[in-house]
Amino acid sequence: MNFGVLPLELADPDDRERLSPDDVLVIEDLREAVRSGDPIEVQVRGGPTLHATHHLSDRQVEVLLAGGLIHWIRDRG
């Protein structure tokens, strides 16, 4: 998250078996989903809808939504 990469964890670990390396994942309204802390719907293009979560603190969410730690520090100065 320090580099602006959202660490998601699948709500159901068995869903890993439903993913392929070439899958395209689509997440609608990502910024709001991350902010809310609610489970995030992940649509596999042409496939199932999965649910994921993150375990970020409020500060980590703020850093992530700024685009990473460097951008967050820049914006605070």
N, C-alpha and C. Protein backbone atom coordinates (compact mmCIF):
# COMPACT_ATOMS: atom_id res chain seq x y z
N MET A 1 0.81 -1.18 0.00
CA MET A 1 0.00 0.00 0.00
C MET A 1 0.86 1.25 0.00
N ASN A 2 2.11 1.14 0.45
CA ASN A 2 3.00 2.30 0.39
C ASN A 2 3.30 2.73 -1.04
N PHE A 3 3.09 1.83 -1.99
CA PHE A 3 3.33 2.14 -3.40
C PHE A 3 2.02 2.31 -4.16
N GLY A 4 0.90 2.43 -3.43
CA GLY A 4 -0.40 2.63 -4.06
C GLY A 4 -1.03 1.35 -4.58
N VAL A 5 -0.58 0.20 -4.06
CA VAL A 5 -1.13 -1.09 -4.49
C VAL A 5 -2.05 -1.61 -3.38
N LEU A 6 -3.28 -1.88 -3.72
CA LEU A 6 -4.27 -2.32 -2.75
C LEU A 6 -4.10 -3.81 -2.44
N PRO A 7 -3.78 -4.15 -1.18
CA PRO A 7 -3.65 -5.56 -0.81
C PRO A 7 -5.03 -6.14 -0.47
N LEU A 8 -5.59 -6.88 -1.39
CA LEU A 8 -6.90 -7.50 -1.17
C LEU A 8 -6.73 -8.96 -0.78
N GLU A 9 -7.66 -9.43 0.03
CA GLU A 9 -7.70 -10.83 0.44
C GLU A 9 -9.08 -11.36 0.06
N LEU A 10 -9.12 -12.48 -0.61
CA LEU A 10 -10.40 -13.07 -0.98
C LEU A 10 -11.15 -13.48 0.29
N ALA A 11 -12.44 -13.14 0.35
CA ALA A 11 -13.26 -13.48 1.51
C ALA A 11 -13.37 -15.00 1.67
N ASP A 12 -13.44 -15.70 0.55
CA ASP A 12 -13.50 -17.16 0.56
C ASP A 12 -12.20 -17.67 -0.06
N PRO A 13 -11.28 -18.22 0.74
CA PRO A 13 -9.99 -18.67 0.21
C PRO A 13 -10.13 -19.68 -0.94
N ASP A 14 -11.21 -20.42 -0.99
CA ASP A 14 -11.41 -21.39 -2.07
C ASP A 14 -11.61 -20.71 -3.42
N ASP A 15 -11.93 -19.41 -3.42
CA ASP A 15 -12.10 -18.67 -4.68
C ASP A 15 -10.80 -18.57 -5.47
N ARG A 16 -9.66 -18.78 -4.81
CA ARG A 16 -8.38 -18.74 -5.54
C ARG A 16 -8.38 -19.72 -6.70
N GLU A 17 -9.04 -20.85 -6.49
CA GLU A 17 -9.10 -21.88 -7.53
C GLU A 17 -9.94 -21.44 -8.73
N ARG A 18 -10.76 -20.42 -8.56
CA ARG A 18 -11.62 -19.94 -9.64
C ARG A 18 -10.93 -18.88 -10.49
N LEU A 19 -9.71 -18.50 -10.12
CA LEU A 19 -8.97 -17.46 -10.85
C LEU A 19 -7.86 -18.07 -11.69
N SER A 20 -7.61 -17.43 -12.82
CA SER A 20 -6.51 -17.80 -13.70
C SER A 20 -5.58 -16.61 -13.85
N PRO A 21 -4.30 -16.85 -14.15
CA PRO A 21 -3.35 -15.75 -14.28
C PRO A 21 -3.75 -14.70 -15.33
N ASP A 22 -4.50 -15.09 -16.35
CA ASP A 22 -4.86 -14.14 -17.40
C ASP A 22 -6.22 -13.49 -17.19
N ASP A 23 -6.86 -13.73 -16.05
CA ASP A 23 -8.16 -13.11 -15.76
C ASP A 23 -8.02 -11.60 -15.62
N VAL A 24 -9.05 -10.89 -16.05
CA VAL A 24 -9.13 -9.45 -15.86
C VAL A 24 -10.14 -9.21 -14.76
N LEU A 25 -9.71 -8.52 -13.71
CA LEU A 25 -10.59 -8.24 -12.57
C LEU A 25 -11.09 -6.81 -12.65
N VAL A 26 -12.39 -6.64 -12.44
CA VAL A 26 -13.02 -5.33 -12.52
C VAL A 26 -13.66 -5.02 -11.17
N ILE A 27 -13.33 -3.84 -10.63
CA ILE A 27 -13.90 -3.41 -9.36
C ILE A 27 -14.52 -2.04 -9.58
N GLU A 28 -15.83 -1.95 -9.41
CA GLU A 28 -16.55 -0.70 -9.58
C GLU A 28 -16.41 0.15 -8.31
N ASP A 29 -16.32 1.47 -8.46
CA ASP A 29 -16.28 2.40 -7.33
C ASP A 29 -15.26 1.98 -6.27
N LEU A 30 -14.06 1.69 -6.73
CA LEU A 30 -13.03 1.15 -5.85
C LEU A 30 -12.70 2.09 -4.70
N ARG A 31 -12.54 3.37 -4.99
CA ARG A 31 -12.16 4.31 -3.93
C ARG A 31 -13.18 4.30 -2.79
N GLU A 32 -14.46 4.31 -3.14
CA GLU A 32 -15.50 4.30 -2.11
C GLU A 32 -15.53 2.96 -1.37
N ALA A 33 -15.33 1.88 -2.10
CA ALA A 33 -15.32 0.55 -1.47
C ALA A 33 -14.18 0.44 -0.47
N VAL A 34 -13.02 0.97 -0.82
CA VAL A 34 -11.87 0.93 0.09
C VAL A 34 -12.15 1.79 1.31
N ARG A 35 -12.68 2.98 1.09
CA ARG A 35 -12.99 3.90 2.18
C ARG A 35 -13.99 3.30 3.17
N SER A 36 -15.01 2.63 2.66
CA SER A 36 -16.09 2.13 3.52
C SER A 36 -15.64 0.96 4.39
N GLY A 37 -14.69 0.17 3.91
CA GLY A 37 -14.25 -1.00 4.65
C GLY A 37 -15.17 -2.21 4.46
N ASP A 38 -16.25 -2.02 3.67
CA ASP A 38 -17.17 -3.12 3.39
C ASP A 38 -16.50 -4.11 2.44
N PRO A 39 -17.03 -5.34 2.38
CA PRO A 39 -16.50 -6.29 1.39
C PRO A 39 -16.57 -5.69 -0.02
N ILE A 40 -15.57 -5.98 -0.82
CA ILE A 40 -15.43 -5.41 -2.16
C ILE A 40 -15.81 -6.48 -3.18
N GLU A 41 -16.74 -6.12 -4.07
CA GLU A 41 -17.12 -7.04 -5.15
C GLU A 41 -16.07 -6.98 -6.24
N VAL A 42 -15.56 -8.13 -6.61
CA VAL A 42 -14.57 -8.25 -7.67
C VAL A 42 -15.20 -9.07 -8.79
N GLN A 43 -15.42 -8.43 -9.91
CA GLN A 43 -16.01 -9.12 -11.07
C GLN A 43 -14.88 -9.65 -11.95
N VAL A 44 -14.88 -10.94 -12.16
CA VAL A 44 -13.94 -11.54 -13.11
C VAL A 44 -14.59 -11.39 -14.48
N ARG A 45 -13.93 -10.64 -15.38
CA ARG A 45 -14.52 -10.39 -16.70
C ARG A 45 -14.83 -11.72 -17.37
N GLY A 46 -16.14 -11.92 -17.69
CA GLY A 46 -16.58 -13.16 -18.31
C GLY A 46 -16.70 -14.31 -17.33
N GLY A 47 -16.65 -14.02 -16.04
CA GLY A 47 -16.69 -15.08 -15.05
C GLY A 47 -17.48 -14.69 -13.82
N PRO A 48 -17.15 -15.30 -12.70
CA PRO A 48 -17.92 -15.09 -11.48
C PRO A 48 -17.63 -13.75 -10.80
N THR A 49 -18.47 -13.40 -9.86
CA THR A 49 -18.23 -12.26 -8.98
C THR A 49 -17.72 -12.82 -7.66
N LEU A 50 -16.59 -12.31 -7.22
CA LEU A 50 -15.98 -12.75 -5.97
C LEU A 50 -16.05 -11.60 -4.96
N HIS A 51 -15.79 -11.89 -3.71
CA HIS A 51 -15.76 -10.86 -2.68
C HIS A 51 -14.39 -10.86 -2.02
N ALA A 52 -13.91 -9.66 -1.76
CA ALA A 52 -12.59 -9.50 -1.16
C ALA A 52 -12.67 -8.47 -0.04
N THR A 53 -11.68 -8.48 0.81
CA THR A 53 -11.60 -7.52 1.91
C THR A 53 -10.18 -6.98 2.00
N HIS A 54 -10.05 -5.92 2.75
CA HIS A 54 -8.71 -5.43 3.10
C HIS A 54 -8.68 -5.22 4.60
N HIS A 55 -7.49 -5.19 5.15
CA HIS A 55 -7.33 -5.03 6.60
C HIS A 55 -6.46 -3.80 6.88
N LEU A 56 -6.76 -2.72 6.16
CA LEU A 56 -5.98 -1.48 6.30
C LEU A 56 -6.57 -0.60 7.40
N SER A 57 -5.69 0.09 8.09
CA SER A 57 -6.14 1.09 9.07
C SER A 57 -6.63 2.33 8.32
N ASP A 58 -7.26 3.24 9.03
CA ASP A 58 -7.73 4.49 8.40
C ASP A 58 -6.56 5.25 7.77
N ARG A 59 -5.44 5.29 8.45
CA ARG A 59 -4.27 5.99 7.91
C ARG A 59 -3.75 5.30 6.65
N GLN A 60 -3.70 3.98 6.67
CA GLN A 60 -3.25 3.24 5.49
C GLN A 60 -4.19 3.47 4.31
N VAL A 61 -5.48 3.55 4.55
CA VAL A 61 -6.44 3.86 3.48
C VAL A 61 -6.14 5.23 2.92
N GLU A 62 -5.88 6.19 3.79
CA GLU A 62 -5.56 7.55 3.36
C GLU A 62 -4.32 7.57 2.47
N VAL A 63 -3.28 6.85 2.88
CA VAL A 63 -2.04 6.76 2.10
C VAL A 63 -2.31 6.10 0.75
N LEU A 64 -3.04 5.01 0.76
CA LEU A 64 -3.36 4.30 -0.47
C LEU A 64 -4.12 5.18 -1.44
N LEU A 65 -5.15 5.86 -0.95
CA LEU A 65 -5.98 6.69 -1.83
C LEU A 65 -5.23 7.92 -2.34
N ALA A 66 -4.14 8.29 -1.67
CA ALA A 66 -3.30 9.39 -2.15
C ALA A 66 -2.39 8.93 -3.29
N GLY A 67 -2.32 7.62 -3.49
CA GLY A 67 -1.47 7.07 -4.54
C GLY A 67 -0.19 6.47 -4.02
N GLY A 68 -0.06 6.39 -2.70
CA GLY A 68 1.12 5.82 -2.08
C GLY A 68 1.75 6.79 -1.11
N LEU A 69 2.75 6.32 -0.40
CA LEU A 69 3.36 7.09 0.68
C LEU A 69 4.03 8.38 0.19
N ILE A 70 4.73 8.32 -0.93
CA ILE A 70 5.40 9.52 -1.43
C ILE A 70 4.39 10.61 -1.75
N HIS A 71 3.30 10.25 -2.42
CA HIS A 71 2.26 11.23 -2.76
C HIS A 71 1.57 11.75 -1.50
N TRP A 72 1.34 10.88 -0.53
CA TRP A 72 0.69 11.27 0.72
C TRP A 72 1.55 12.29 1.46
N ILE A 73 2.86 12.03 1.55
CA ILE A 73 3.78 12.96 2.22
C ILE A 73 3.84 14.28 1.47
N ARG A 74 3.93 14.22 0.15
CA ARG A 74 3.95 15.43 -0.68
C ARG A 74 2.71 16.29 -0.44
N ASP A 75 1.55 15.66 -0.39
CA ASP A 75 0.30 16.38 -0.24
C ASP A 75 0.14 16.98 1.15
N ARG A 76 0.83 16.46 2.14
CA ARG A 76 0.72 16.97 3.51
C ARG A 76 1.60 18.18 3.73
N GLY A 77 2.56 18.40 2.84
CA GLY A 77 3.54 19.48 3.04
C GLY A 77 3.13 20.73 2.49
